[in-house]
Amino acid sequence: MPLTNGDVGVSGTQFALCDQVLDHTTALEFMENEYKHNDGLDVHTLLDSRTRGGLTYNDFLLLPGYIGFPASDVALDTPVTKRITLKTPLLSSPMDTVTEHSMAIHMALLGGLGVIHHNCSAEDQAEMVRKVKRFENGFILDPVVLSPNTTVSEAKQLKEKWGFGGFPVTENGTLRSKLIGMITTRDIQFHPTASDPVTSVMSTNLVTAPSGTTLAEANAVLSKSKKGKLPIVDSSHNLVSLLSRSDLMKNLHYPLASKLPHSKQLICAAAIGTRPEDRDRLRILADAGLDIVVLDSSQGNSIFQIEMIKYVKEKYPELDVIGGNVVTVAQAANLIAAGVDGLRIGMGSGSACITQEVMAVGRPQATSVFNVSSFAARFGVPCIADGGIQNVGHIVKGLALGASTVMMGGLLAGTTESPGNYFVSREGQLVKAYRGMGSIDAMEDKKAGSAAKGAAKSDAGKARYFSEGDRLLVAQGVSGSVLDRGSVTKFVPYLLAGLQHSLQDIGMKSLTALREGVRDGKVRFELRTVSAQAEGNVHGLHSFDKKLYS
């Protein structure tokens, strides 16, 4: 007998919206038989622009699924190009207030990828590439080698340049010359005479390993020794390569790091334009060890980019090339036919971009990502959702709509690893400068070609928006500032943990399963009205503190 609240009669009233209450054990069977249509919308219905117009990330939600696993089990492996896969789907944008070598290093250590901007001279950009490639290695095949005539002062200068102080010393000062000692920071730090040769302070009691030693064996030798470096020598004691203890520690602290399988070096990506002089820039970057080149243009469907793609694939077949930006299938088809290994999707959706407003050209980001990535997937070309990412939810939505990775600018611009200095705003908040590459500030920046003739015409801002020859610059971006977000070593793990928990809510154990579920109609969506968006945000509070992670 049902229990009632108060004296309402002997029989009581049972809750029901129909005449007959069914047996609860038949609920699943009843749902399958009677409810032919699942809750929500499939992705094709949701993003049919002929009936719903163009949608952004805020215009819809994903519906929850069934949780049968912990969030830590969610796998985030995903391709960034046809040949290269990352362990996390996060990229930093090639903007001069977002990604230089520090950001590129830390994004790679955390399993993602940083794309180094090109609003600088080719030599400066190549130097940043070298710093990324030298940061972590397996066997260091091209170590910095000193000669017996190198002075203590010169060794200190090399430490300042490269950021590390352990150097092998050989008879000729070259690789494959007889190893005679090692110099460390401790050897030269307090040495009183800067003009003394390094042979007067170097260590000669060395632990070495023979050529042919595997990486696992060499790591075992290094871990048992108290040395910072392990030289690998041939039968004549000539230096062949080097192994670093700091790299061994990095392997322990950063297990997700994006590394090449053969060299164990961090994967490095950098942007270039599509002008003829960018071919010289590409040569310099390739010599520095670049792995992925990103062709940086606001509108990628151009003869200039198509010719550059073909040039890169013919001249540098070992390089992966990412084209873009595109927002339509027709744009994507031209670049795919030219041979791109990946695509960037987005036009006018970035936080500092005003292309859609000023030029009346572009497309809402959610619609762009779904249409382009669906087409590109038919040809095995991974796509990057570039722009419009403001929070974890936007990352999830970009990936659910078919992107293999997402690219962030403003979201990372306030971190410690981004270029520039912090300053205090008028409101007393700690901020960093951030600007779109289509802003007047970026297009008038002269540092891009400071070492070349015609420097004023060769910066990345003008090139990206096809404005090199313009007498009057038309801005497609703004300059501003963003709040301090701390280090990416804390912020990016927060984004990844949020992403894993979101996929857990959806009921998907991997990004691959998420994309398959969306394609098959298993993952469902719901449109959000303006009222629904307000309901889904903080509301009804007098005041609140929005702390995102601890």
Protein backbone atom coordinates (compact mmCIF):
# COMPACT_ATOMS: atom_id res chain seq x y z
CA MET A 1 0.00 0.00 0.00
CA PRO A 2 1.42 3.43 -0.92
CA LEU A 3 2.24 5.70 1.99
CA THR A 4 0.53 9.10 2.10
CA ASN A 5 1.34 12.40 3.76
CA GLY A 6 -1.46 13.13 6.20
CA ASP A 7 -4.98 11.75 6.48
CA VAL A 8 -6.06 11.59 2.87
CA GLY A 9 -8.04 8.45 2.95
CA VAL A 10 -7.45 4.79 3.28
CA SER A 11 -6.72 3.99 -0.31
CA GLY A 12 -4.30 6.85 -1.04
CA THR A 13 -3.39 8.16 -4.48
CA GLN A 14 -0.57 6.62 -6.53
CA PHE A 15 1.51 8.91 -8.78
CA ALA A 16 0.93 8.17 -12.43
CA LEU A 17 0.46 10.12 -15.65
CA CYS A 18 -1.46 7.27 -17.25
CA ASP A 19 -4.15 4.78 -16.33
CA GLN A 20 -1.85 1.79 -15.92
CA VAL A 21 1.45 1.66 -14.03
CA LEU A 22 3.89 -0.73 -15.68
CA ASP A 23 6.28 -3.15 -14.02
CA HIS A 24 9.53 -1.25 -13.42
CA THR A 25 11.65 -4.22 -14.52
CA THR A 26 10.36 -3.78 -18.08
CA ALA A 27 11.49 -0.14 -18.38
CA LEU A 28 14.38 -0.81 -20.78
CA GLU A 29 12.35 -3.12 -22.99
CA PHE A 30 9.46 -0.65 -23.03
CA MET A 31 11.78 2.20 -24.01
CA GLU A 32 13.23 0.22 -26.92
CA ASN A 33 9.81 -0.79 -28.22
CA GLU A 34 7.79 2.37 -27.65
CA TYR A 35 10.33 5.20 -27.92
CA LYS A 36 11.61 4.84 -31.47
CA HIS A 37 13.37 8.21 -31.43
CA ASN A 38 16.16 8.90 -28.96
CA ASP A 39 16.27 12.08 -26.92
CA GLY A 40 17.79 15.10 -28.60
CA LEU A 41 19.11 15.46 -32.14
CA ASP A 42 21.72 13.70 -34.20
CA VAL A 43 24.60 15.84 -35.41
CA HIS A 44 23.33 16.11 -38.98
CA THR A 45 19.97 17.46 -37.86
CA LEU A 46 21.61 19.80 -35.37
CA LEU A 47 24.02 21.34 -37.87
CA ASP A 48 21.82 21.55 -40.94
CA SER A 49 22.54 25.18 -41.76
CA ARG A 50 19.69 25.31 -44.29
CA THR A 51 17.16 24.95 -41.48
CA ARG A 52 19.02 26.19 -38.38
CA GLY A 53 21.58 28.63 -39.74
CA GLY A 54 25.17 28.63 -38.54
CA LEU A 55 25.83 27.56 -34.95
CA THR A 56 28.60 28.39 -32.49
CA TYR A 57 29.73 26.29 -29.54
CA ASN A 58 27.34 28.06 -27.16
CA ASP A 59 24.29 27.17 -29.25
CA PHE A 60 24.07 23.50 -28.24
CA LEU A 61 24.87 20.87 -25.61
CA LEU A 62 25.74 17.18 -25.70
CA LEU A 63 23.35 14.88 -23.87
CA PRO A 64 24.69 12.59 -21.12
CA GLY A 65 25.22 8.88 -21.69
CA TYR A 66 25.97 5.94 -19.40
CA ILE A 67 28.94 6.03 -16.99
CA GLY A 68 30.60 2.63 -16.59
CA PHE A 69 34.25 3.63 -16.10
CA PRO A 70 36.36 6.17 -14.17
CA ALA A 71 37.35 9.43 -15.85
CA SER A 72 41.02 8.46 -15.60
CA ASP A 73 40.37 5.63 -18.10
CA VAL A 74 39.44 8.07 -20.88
CA ALA A 75 42.09 7.99 -23.62
CA LEU A 76 42.90 11.30 -25.32
CA ASP A 77 45.26 10.07 -28.07
CA THR A 78 44.53 11.77 -31.37
CA PRO A 79 46.21 12.53 -34.72
CA VAL A 80 47.39 16.03 -35.56
CA THR A 81 48.59 15.11 -39.07
CA LYS A 82 48.39 12.01 -41.23
CA ARG A 83 51.62 10.68 -39.74
CA ILE A 84 51.88 12.20 -36.24
CA THR A 85 49.69 11.36 -33.25
CA LEU A 86 49.62 13.24 -29.94
CA LYS A 87 48.61 11.96 -26.52
CA THR A 88 46.46 15.04 -25.85
CA PRO A 89 44.41 17.13 -28.32
CA LEU A 90 45.59 20.64 -27.33
CA LEU A 91 47.61 23.05 -29.51
CA SER A 92 48.77 26.61 -28.93
CA SER A 93 48.27 29.16 -31.69
CA PRO A 94 51.13 30.67 -33.77
CA MET A 95 50.57 34.18 -32.41
CA ASP A 96 53.37 36.44 -31.20
CA THR A 97 51.68 36.87 -27.82
CA VAL A 98 51.07 33.14 -27.39
CA THR A 99 53.73 30.76 -28.71
CA GLU A 100 57.50 31.02 -28.65
CA HIS A 101 59.96 28.33 -27.55
CA SER A 102 58.87 28.23 -23.89
CA MET A 103 55.21 27.62 -24.76
CA ALA A 104 56.16 25.11 -27.49
CA ILE A 105 58.37 23.16 -25.06
CA HIS A 106 55.78 22.97 -22.30
CA MET A 107 52.86 22.16 -24.60
CA ALA A 108 54.90 19.27 -26.04
CA LEU A 109 55.91 18.08 -22.56
CA LEU A 110 52.23 18.00 -21.59
CA GLY A 111 51.30 15.88 -24.62
CA GLY A 112 50.15 18.61 -26.98
CA LEU A 113 51.89 20.86 -29.47
CA GLY A 114 52.92 24.51 -29.65
CA VAL A 115 53.16 26.20 -33.04
CA ILE A 116 55.91 28.84 -33.03
CA HIS A 117 54.82 32.15 -34.60
CA HIS A 118 56.64 33.74 -37.57
CA ASN A 119 56.32 37.41 -36.68
CA CYS A 120 60.12 37.50 -36.33
CA SER A 121 63.17 36.95 -38.49
CA ALA A 122 63.74 33.48 -39.91
CA GLU A 123 66.92 33.19 -37.84
CA ASP A 124 65.10 34.00 -34.59
CA GLN A 125 62.36 31.52 -35.40
CA ALA A 126 64.91 28.82 -36.24
CA GLU A 127 66.68 29.48 -32.94
CA MET A 128 63.39 28.83 -31.14
CA VAL A 129 62.98 25.57 -33.07
CA ARG A 130 66.47 24.48 -32.03
CA LYS A 131 65.70 25.21 -28.38
CA VAL A 132 62.62 22.98 -28.58
CA LYS A 133 64.49 20.17 -30.30
CA ARG A 134 67.40 20.27 -27.84
CA PHE A 135 65.21 20.40 -24.74
CA GLU A 136 64.62 16.66 -24.51
CA ASN A 137 66.40 13.86 -26.27
CA GLY A 138 67.01 10.17 -26.20
CA PHE A 139 70.47 9.87 -27.65
CA ILE A 140 71.69 13.39 -28.42
CA LEU A 141 73.16 12.87 -31.88
CA ASP A 142 74.42 16.45 -32.34
CA PRO A 143 75.63 17.57 -28.90
CA VAL A 144 77.41 20.87 -28.35
CA VAL A 145 81.08 19.83 -28.21
CA LEU A 146 83.98 21.89 -26.83
CA SER A 147 87.61 21.84 -27.87
CA PRO A 148 90.59 21.91 -25.46
CA ASN A 149 91.13 25.57 -26.44
CA THR A 150 87.63 26.68 -25.39
CA THR A 151 87.84 29.06 -22.44
CA VAL A 152 85.80 29.05 -19.25
CA SER A 153 84.24 32.34 -20.36
CA GLU A 154 83.13 30.81 -23.67
CA ALA A 155 81.66 27.80 -21.83
CA LYS A 156 79.62 30.16 -19.64
CA GLN A 157 78.35 31.96 -22.75
CA LEU A 158 77.28 28.63 -24.27
CA LYS A 159 75.40 27.82 -21.07
CA GLU A 160 73.55 31.14 -21.32
CA LYS A 161 72.73 30.48 -24.96
CA TRP A 162 71.48 26.90 -24.68
CA GLY A 163 70.17 26.79 -21.12
CA PHE A 164 72.31 23.81 -20.03
CA GLY A 165 75.92 23.59 -18.85
CA GLY A 166 77.11 20.03 -19.46
CA PHE A 167 79.40 19.77 -22.51
CA PRO A 168 81.75 17.02 -23.70
CA VAL A 169 85.33 18.03 -24.57
CA THR A 170 87.06 16.24 -27.44
CA GLU A 171 90.50 16.52 -28.99
CA ASN A 172 89.24 18.31 -32.10
CA GLY A 173 86.16 19.96 -30.60
CA THR A 174 83.89 17.90 -32.85
CA LEU A 175 81.71 14.82 -32.73
CA ARG A 176 83.52 11.54 -33.54
CA SER A 177 86.73 12.91 -32.08
CA LYS A 178 88.49 11.38 -29.04
CA LEU A 179 86.66 12.20 -25.78
CA ILE A 180 88.97 13.72 -23.16
CA GLY A 181 86.59 15.15 -20.55
CA MET A 182 83.29 16.70 -19.52
CA ILE A 183 82.47 20.24 -18.38
CA THR A 184 79.56 20.87 -16.00
CA THR A 185 78.06 24.00 -14.49
CA ARG A 186 79.73 23.19 -11.17
CA ASP A 187 83.15 23.15 -12.83
CA ILE A 188 82.93 26.68 -14.20
CA GLN A 189 80.44 28.43 -11.92
CA PHE A 190 82.96 29.88 -9.46
CA HIS A 191 86.20 29.51 -11.39
CA PRO A 192 88.11 32.78 -10.86
CA THR A 193 89.93 33.01 -14.19
CA ALA A 194 87.61 33.27 -17.17
CA SER A 195 90.43 32.99 -19.71
CA ASP A 196 91.57 29.56 -18.51
CA PRO A 197 90.95 26.67 -20.94
CA VAL A 198 88.23 24.21 -20.01
CA THR A 199 90.86 21.47 -19.76
CA SER A 200 92.01 23.03 -16.49
CA VAL A 201 88.64 22.50 -14.80
CA MET A 202 86.97 19.63 -16.69
CA SER A 203 86.22 16.23 -15.20
CA THR A 204 88.22 13.32 -16.60
CA ASN A 205 86.79 10.54 -14.41
CA LEU A 206 84.04 9.64 -16.87
CA VAL A 207 81.38 6.97 -17.02
CA THR A 208 80.75 6.01 -20.66
CA ALA A 209 78.78 3.42 -22.60
CA PRO A 210 79.85 1.69 -25.83
CA SER A 211 78.30 2.44 -29.21
CA GLY A 212 75.41 0.07 -29.86
CA THR A 213 74.02 0.37 -26.34
CA THR A 214 70.23 0.54 -26.42
CA LEU A 215 68.39 3.52 -24.96
CA ALA A 216 66.99 1.37 -22.14
CA GLU A 217 70.47 0.06 -21.29
CA ALA A 218 71.98 3.54 -21.41
CA ASN A 219 69.23 4.90 -19.16
CA ALA A 220 69.97 2.10 -16.68
CA VAL A 221 73.69 2.99 -16.62
CA LEU A 222 72.90 6.68 -16.21
CA SER A 223 70.41 6.10 -13.39
CA LYS A 224 72.98 4.05 -11.42
CA SER A 225 75.78 6.59 -11.90
CA LYS A 226 76.02 9.95 -10.18
CA LYS A 227 76.83 11.74 -13.42
CA GLY A 228 74.71 14.25 -15.26
CA LYS A 229 75.69 13.07 -18.74
CA LEU A 230 76.53 9.69 -20.27
CA PRO A 231 78.83 9.90 -23.31
CA ILE A 232 78.46 7.11 -25.87
CA VAL A 233 81.82 6.22 -27.43
CA ASP A 234 83.09 3.85 -30.11
CA SER A 235 85.92 1.34 -29.76
CA SER A 236 88.52 4.13 -30.20
CA HIS A 237 86.89 6.23 -27.46
CA ASN A 238 85.59 8.71 -30.03
CA LEU A 239 82.40 10.53 -28.98
CA VAL A 240 79.36 9.19 -30.88
CA SER A 241 76.41 10.64 -28.94
CA LEU A 242 75.32 11.75 -25.48
CA LEU A 243 72.60 10.94 -22.96
CA SER A 244 71.40 13.41 -20.32
CA ARG A 245 70.17 12.72 -16.77
CA SER A 246 67.81 15.70 -17.06
CA ASP A 247 66.11 13.94 -19.98
CA LEU A 248 65.70 10.84 -17.83
CA MET A 249 63.96 12.98 -15.19
CA LYS A 250 61.77 14.64 -17.81
CA ASN A 251 60.61 11.19 -18.92
CA LEU A 252 59.49 10.50 -15.36
CA HIS A 253 57.76 13.86 -14.84
CA TYR A 254 56.16 14.17 -18.30
CA PRO A 255 55.00 10.71 -19.42
CA LEU A 256 52.64 12.16 -22.06
CA ALA A 257 55.33 14.22 -23.83
CA SER A 258 55.00 14.54 -27.61
CA LYS A 259 58.24 13.00 -28.84
CA LEU A 260 59.57 11.45 -32.02
CA PRO A 261 59.85 7.68 -31.59
CA HIS A 262 63.39 7.39 -32.98
CA SER A 263 65.24 10.41 -31.53
CA LYS A 264 63.04 11.01 -28.44
CA GLN A 265 63.18 14.72 -29.23
CA LEU A 266 60.13 16.88 -28.63
CA ILE A 267 57.93 17.38 -31.70
CA CYS A 268 58.20 20.94 -32.98
CA ALA A 269 55.82 22.87 -35.23
CA ALA A 270 56.24 26.36 -36.65
CA ALA A 271 54.24 28.66 -38.91
CA ILE A 272 55.30 30.33 -42.14
CA GLY A 273 53.52 32.43 -44.74
CA THR A 274 52.94 31.68 -48.40
CA ARG A 275 55.17 34.33 -49.97
CA PRO A 276 58.21 33.43 -52.13
CA GLU A 277 60.60 34.52 -49.35
CA ASP A 278 58.94 32.05 -47.00
CA ARG A 279 60.65 29.28 -48.95
CA ASP A 280 63.97 30.56 -47.61
CA ARG A 281 62.48 30.69 -44.12
CA LEU A 282 61.31 27.09 -44.50
CA ARG A 283 64.80 25.96 -45.50
CA ILE A 284 66.27 27.53 -42.37
CA LEU A 285 63.58 25.98 -40.17
CA ALA A 286 64.03 22.54 -41.74
CA ASP A 287 67.77 22.73 -41.09
CA ALA A 288 66.97 23.54 -37.44
CA GLY A 289 65.00 20.28 -37.11
CA LEU A 290 61.38 21.31 -37.73
CA ASP A 291 58.82 18.46 -37.80
CA ILE A 292 55.56 20.17 -38.81
CA VAL A 293 55.13 23.33 -40.87
CA VAL A 294 51.85 25.26 -40.55
CA LEU A 295 50.91 27.52 -43.45
CA ASP A 296 49.47 30.56 -41.74
CA SER A 297 46.73 32.40 -43.61
CA SER A 298 43.33 33.75 -42.64
CA GLN A 299 41.93 32.46 -45.95
CA GLY A 300 43.81 29.35 -47.01
CA ASN A 301 42.07 28.70 -50.32
CA SER A 302 44.54 30.61 -52.48
CA ILE A 303 46.91 29.88 -55.34
CA PHE A 304 49.75 30.98 -53.06
CA GLN A 305 49.01 28.31 -50.45
CA ILE A 306 48.32 25.57 -52.97
CA GLU A 307 51.68 26.21 -54.65
CA MET A 308 53.42 26.29 -51.25
CA ILE A 309 51.86 22.96 -50.23
CA LYS A 310 53.10 21.31 -53.42
CA TYR A 311 56.53 22.88 -52.94
CA VAL A 312 56.83 21.60 -49.36
CA LYS A 313 55.70 18.07 -50.25
CA GLU A 314 58.16 17.89 -53.15
CA LYS A 315 61.15 19.59 -51.51
CA TYR A 316 60.74 18.38 -47.91
CA PRO A 317 58.87 15.04 -47.98
CA GLU A 318 59.90 14.36 -44.37
CA LEU A 319 57.95 17.44 -43.19
CA ASP A 320 54.23 17.29 -42.42
CA VAL A 321 52.34 20.34 -43.68
CA ILE A 322 49.15 21.76 -42.18
CA GLY A 323 47.10 24.07 -44.40
CA GLY A 324 44.37 26.60 -43.70
CA ASN A 325 42.49 28.35 -42.52
CA VAL A 326 39.31 27.04 -44.11
CA VAL A 327 35.60 26.96 -43.18
CA THR A 328 33.96 25.38 -46.24
CA VAL A 329 34.20 22.05 -48.01
CA ALA A 330 35.23 23.75 -51.25
CA GLN A 331 38.16 25.45 -49.53
CA ALA A 332 39.23 22.21 -47.90
CA ALA A 333 39.00 20.20 -51.11
CA ASN A 334 41.58 22.36 -52.89
CA LEU A 335 44.10 22.01 -50.07
CA ILE A 336 43.50 18.29 -49.64
CA ALA A 337 44.01 17.77 -53.37
CA ALA A 338 47.29 19.69 -53.11
CA GLY A 339 48.51 17.22 -50.48
CA VAL A 340 48.07 18.69 -46.98
CA ASP A 341 48.62 16.43 -43.97
CA GLY A 342 46.24 18.43 -41.77
CA LEU A 343 43.83 21.38 -41.84
CA ARG A 344 43.09 24.34 -39.59
CA ILE A 345 39.41 25.28 -39.40
CA GLY A 346 38.20 28.75 -38.43
CA MET A 347 37.70 32.23 -39.79
CA GLY A 348 36.77 35.13 -37.57
CA SER A 349 35.95 33.10 -34.44
CA GLY A 350 39.02 33.98 -32.36
CA SER A 351 38.62 36.19 -29.30
CA ALA A 352 40.83 38.93 -30.78
CA CYS A 353 39.56 38.56 -34.37
CA ILE A 354 37.08 40.90 -36.07
CA THR A 355 37.17 39.45 -39.59
CA GLN A 356 33.47 38.51 -39.56
CA GLU A 357 32.50 41.96 -38.38
CA VAL A 358 34.75 44.01 -40.69
CA MET A 359 34.90 41.82 -43.79
CA ALA A 360 31.48 40.16 -43.52
CA VAL A 361 33.26 36.92 -44.41
CA GLY A 362 33.63 33.79 -42.29
CA ARG A 363 31.40 31.16 -40.73
CA PRO A 364 30.21 30.24 -37.22
CA GLN A 365 32.76 27.86 -35.77
CA ALA A 366 30.62 24.83 -34.84
CA THR A 367 29.14 24.65 -38.34
CA SER A 368 32.59 25.11 -39.89
CA VAL A 369 34.22 22.37 -37.84
CA PHE A 370 31.51 19.80 -38.54
CA ASN A 371 31.26 20.36 -42.28
CA VAL A 372 34.98 20.56 -43.01
CA SER A 373 36.10 17.75 -40.70
CA SER A 374 33.39 15.41 -42.02
CA PHE A 375 34.68 15.96 -45.54
CA ALA A 376 38.37 15.77 -44.63
CA ALA A 377 37.86 12.52 -42.72
CA ARG A 378 36.96 10.83 -46.01
CA PHE A 379 40.56 11.44 -47.10
CA GLY A 380 42.25 10.68 -43.78
CA VAL A 381 43.14 14.32 -43.11
CA PRO A 382 42.96 15.36 -39.42
CA CYS A 383 41.52 18.78 -38.62
CA ILE A 384 42.28 21.44 -36.01
CA ALA A 385 39.41 23.48 -34.57
CA ASP A 386 41.14 26.86 -34.44
CA GLY A 387 39.44 29.68 -32.55
CA GLY A 388 36.44 30.30 -30.34
CA ILE A 389 37.73 28.14 -27.46
CA GLN A 390 36.84 29.80 -24.17
CA ASN A 391 36.54 26.85 -21.77
CA VAL A 392 36.65 23.06 -21.40
CA GLY A 393 33.13 22.72 -22.81
CA HIS A 394 34.16 24.35 -26.07
CA ILE A 395 37.09 21.93 -26.37
CA VAL A 396 34.71 19.00 -25.96
CA LYS A 397 32.29 20.38 -28.55
CA GLY A 398 35.02 21.02 -31.12
CA LEU A 399 36.28 17.46 -30.74
CA ALA A 400 32.77 15.99 -30.81
CA LEU A 401 32.06 17.74 -34.11
CA GLY A 402 34.98 15.97 -35.77
CA ALA A 403 38.13 17.96 -35.05
CA SER A 404 41.05 15.80 -33.95
CA THR A 405 42.64 18.67 -32.01
CA VAL A 406 41.78 22.18 -30.87
CA MET A 407 43.98 25.27 -31.10
CA MET A 408 43.92 27.95 -28.42
CA GLY A 409 45.19 31.52 -28.41
CA GLY A 410 43.55 33.79 -25.86
CA LEU A 411 42.98 30.90 -23.45
CA LEU A 412 46.77 30.41 -23.16
CA ALA A 413 47.96 33.99 -23.66
CA GLY A 414 47.79 34.78 -19.94
CA THR A 415 50.02 31.89 -18.86
CA THR A 416 53.56 32.18 -17.58
CA GLU A 417 54.98 30.48 -20.70
CA SER A 418 53.51 32.93 -23.22
CA PRO A 419 55.77 35.76 -24.49
CA GLY A 420 55.68 39.18 -22.85
CA ASN A 421 55.62 40.54 -19.35
CA TYR A 422 52.84 40.80 -16.81
CA PHE A 423 51.51 44.20 -15.81
CA VAL A 424 48.81 45.49 -13.50
CA SER A 425 45.62 46.74 -15.16
CA ARG A 426 43.68 49.84 -14.15
CA GLU A 427 41.43 47.57 -12.10
CA GLY A 428 44.43 46.27 -10.16
CA GLN A 429 44.46 42.84 -11.83
CA LEU A 430 47.54 41.01 -13.10
CA VAL A 431 47.32 40.75 -16.90
CA LYS A 432 49.39 40.09 -20.04
CA ALA A 433 49.17 41.77 -23.42
CA TYR A 434 47.33 39.81 -26.13
CA ARG A 435 46.65 40.79 -29.73
CA GLY A 436 45.23 39.31 -32.87
CA MET A 437 47.65 38.87 -35.76
CA GLY A 438 45.27 41.00 -37.84
CA SER A 439 45.50 43.93 -35.42
CA ILE A 440 47.20 47.15 -36.48
CA ASP A 441 49.83 46.59 -33.78
CA ALA A 442 50.78 43.20 -35.22
CA MET A 443 50.70 44.35 -38.85
CA GLU A 444 52.94 47.34 -38.11
CA ASP A 445 55.44 45.31 -36.09
CA LYS A 446 58.83 45.59 -37.78
CA LYS A 447 60.64 42.80 -35.93
CA ALA A 448 59.61 40.16 -38.46
CA GLY A 449 62.07 41.26 -41.08
CA SER A 450 64.56 43.27 -39.10
CA ALA A 451 67.43 41.43 -40.71
CA ALA A 452 66.13 41.65 -44.24
CA LYS A 453 65.68 44.27 -46.88
CA GLY A 454 62.16 45.66 -46.98
CA ALA A 455 61.53 44.67 -43.39
CA ALA A 456 58.46 46.87 -43.03
CA LYS A 457 56.65 44.78 -45.62
CA SER A 458 57.57 41.33 -44.36
CA ASP A 459 55.84 40.85 -41.03
CA ALA A 460 53.50 37.92 -40.40
CA GLY A 461 50.47 40.09 -39.65
CA LYS A 462 50.35 41.64 -43.13
CA ALA A 463 51.20 38.34 -44.83
CA ARG A 464 48.49 36.39 -43.03
CA TYR A 465 45.81 38.83 -44.24
CA PHE A 466 47.27 39.48 -47.73
CA SER A 467 48.04 43.14 -46.86
CA GLU A 468 51.74 43.42 -47.78
CA GLY A 469 51.20 45.92 -50.57
CA ASP A 470 48.41 47.94 -49.01
CA ARG A 471 48.98 51.67 -48.45
CA LEU A 472 46.16 51.68 -45.91
CA LEU A 473 45.94 48.81 -43.42
CA VAL A 474 42.49 47.48 -42.53
CA ALA A 475 42.46 45.79 -39.13
CA GLN A 476 41.00 42.29 -38.80
CA GLY A 477 41.98 41.96 -35.15
CA VAL A 478 42.29 43.90 -31.92
CA SER A 479 44.88 44.42 -29.19
CA GLY A 480 44.06 43.98 -25.54
CA SER A 481 45.02 42.05 -22.43
CA VAL A 482 44.08 38.80 -20.70
CA LEU A 483 44.05 37.82 -17.04
CA ASP A 484 46.91 35.85 -15.52
CA ARG A 485 46.25 32.09 -15.66
CA GLY A 486 49.44 30.87 -14.00
CA SER A 487 51.62 28.21 -15.60
CA VAL A 488 50.45 25.89 -18.37
CA THR A 489 51.88 23.06 -16.24
CA LYS A 490 48.81 23.54 -14.03
CA PHE A 491 46.31 25.03 -16.47
CA VAL A 492 46.64 22.42 -19.24
CA PRO A 493 46.24 19.45 -16.83
CA TYR A 494 43.04 21.14 -15.62
CA LEU A 495 41.78 21.32 -19.22
CA LEU A 496 42.65 17.66 -19.78
CA ALA A 497 41.00 16.50 -16.55
CA GLY A 498 37.87 18.46 -17.49
CA LEU A 499 37.91 16.86 -20.93
CA GLN A 500 38.15 13.37 -19.43
CA HIS A 501 35.27 14.03 -17.04
CA SER A 502 33.15 15.39 -19.89
CA LEU A 503 33.71 12.27 -22.00
CA GLN A 504 32.85 10.20 -18.94
CA ASP A 505 29.52 12.05 -18.67
CA ILE A 506 28.86 11.40 -22.36
CA GLY A 507 29.75 7.74 -21.85
CA MET A 508 32.72 7.61 -24.22
CA LYS A 509 36.10 6.13 -23.23
CA SER A 510 38.16 7.78 -25.96
CA LEU A 511 38.13 10.56 -28.52
CA THR A 512 37.88 7.92 -31.23
CA ALA A 513 34.77 6.48 -29.57
CA LEU A 514 33.34 9.99 -29.24
CA ARG A 515 33.71 10.71 -32.95
CA GLU A 516 32.28 7.31 -33.87
CA GLY A 517 29.35 7.83 -31.49
CA VAL A 518 28.58 11.19 -33.06
CA ARG A 519 28.82 9.78 -36.57
CA ASP A 520 26.57 6.82 -35.75
CA GLY A 521 23.98 8.96 -33.98
CA LYS A 522 24.60 7.39 -30.56
CA VAL A 523 25.86 10.69 -29.12
CA ARG A 524 22.98 13.14 -29.09
CA PHE A 525 22.74 16.92 -29.00
CA GLU A 526 20.26 19.56 -27.92
CA LEU A 527 19.85 23.12 -29.12
CA ARG A 528 20.05 25.86 -26.47
CA THR A 529 17.78 28.87 -26.46
CA VAL A 530 18.98 32.15 -24.99
CA SER A 531 17.08 31.27 -21.81
CA ALA A 532 18.72 27.84 -21.69
CA GLN A 533 22.16 29.42 -21.98
CA ALA A 534 21.36 31.74 -19.08
CA GLU A 535 20.06 28.81 -17.03
CA GLY A 536 23.24 26.82 -17.71
CA ASN A 537 25.47 29.55 -16.34
CA VAL A 538 25.80 31.01 -12.87
CA HIS A 539 22.58 32.79 -11.97
CA GLY A 540 20.56 33.93 -8.98
CA LEU A 541 23.56 34.63 -6.74
CA HIS A 542 24.34 37.94 -5.06
CA SER A 543 28.07 37.25 -5.50
CA PHE A 544 30.26 34.26 -6.26
CA ASP A 545 33.87 33.15 -6.66
CA LYS A 546 34.48 31.16 -9.85
CA LYS A 547 37.59 29.12 -9.03
CA LEU A 548 38.18 26.66 -11.85
CA TYR A 549 40.73 24.29 -10.30
CA SER A 550 42.98 23.76 -7.30
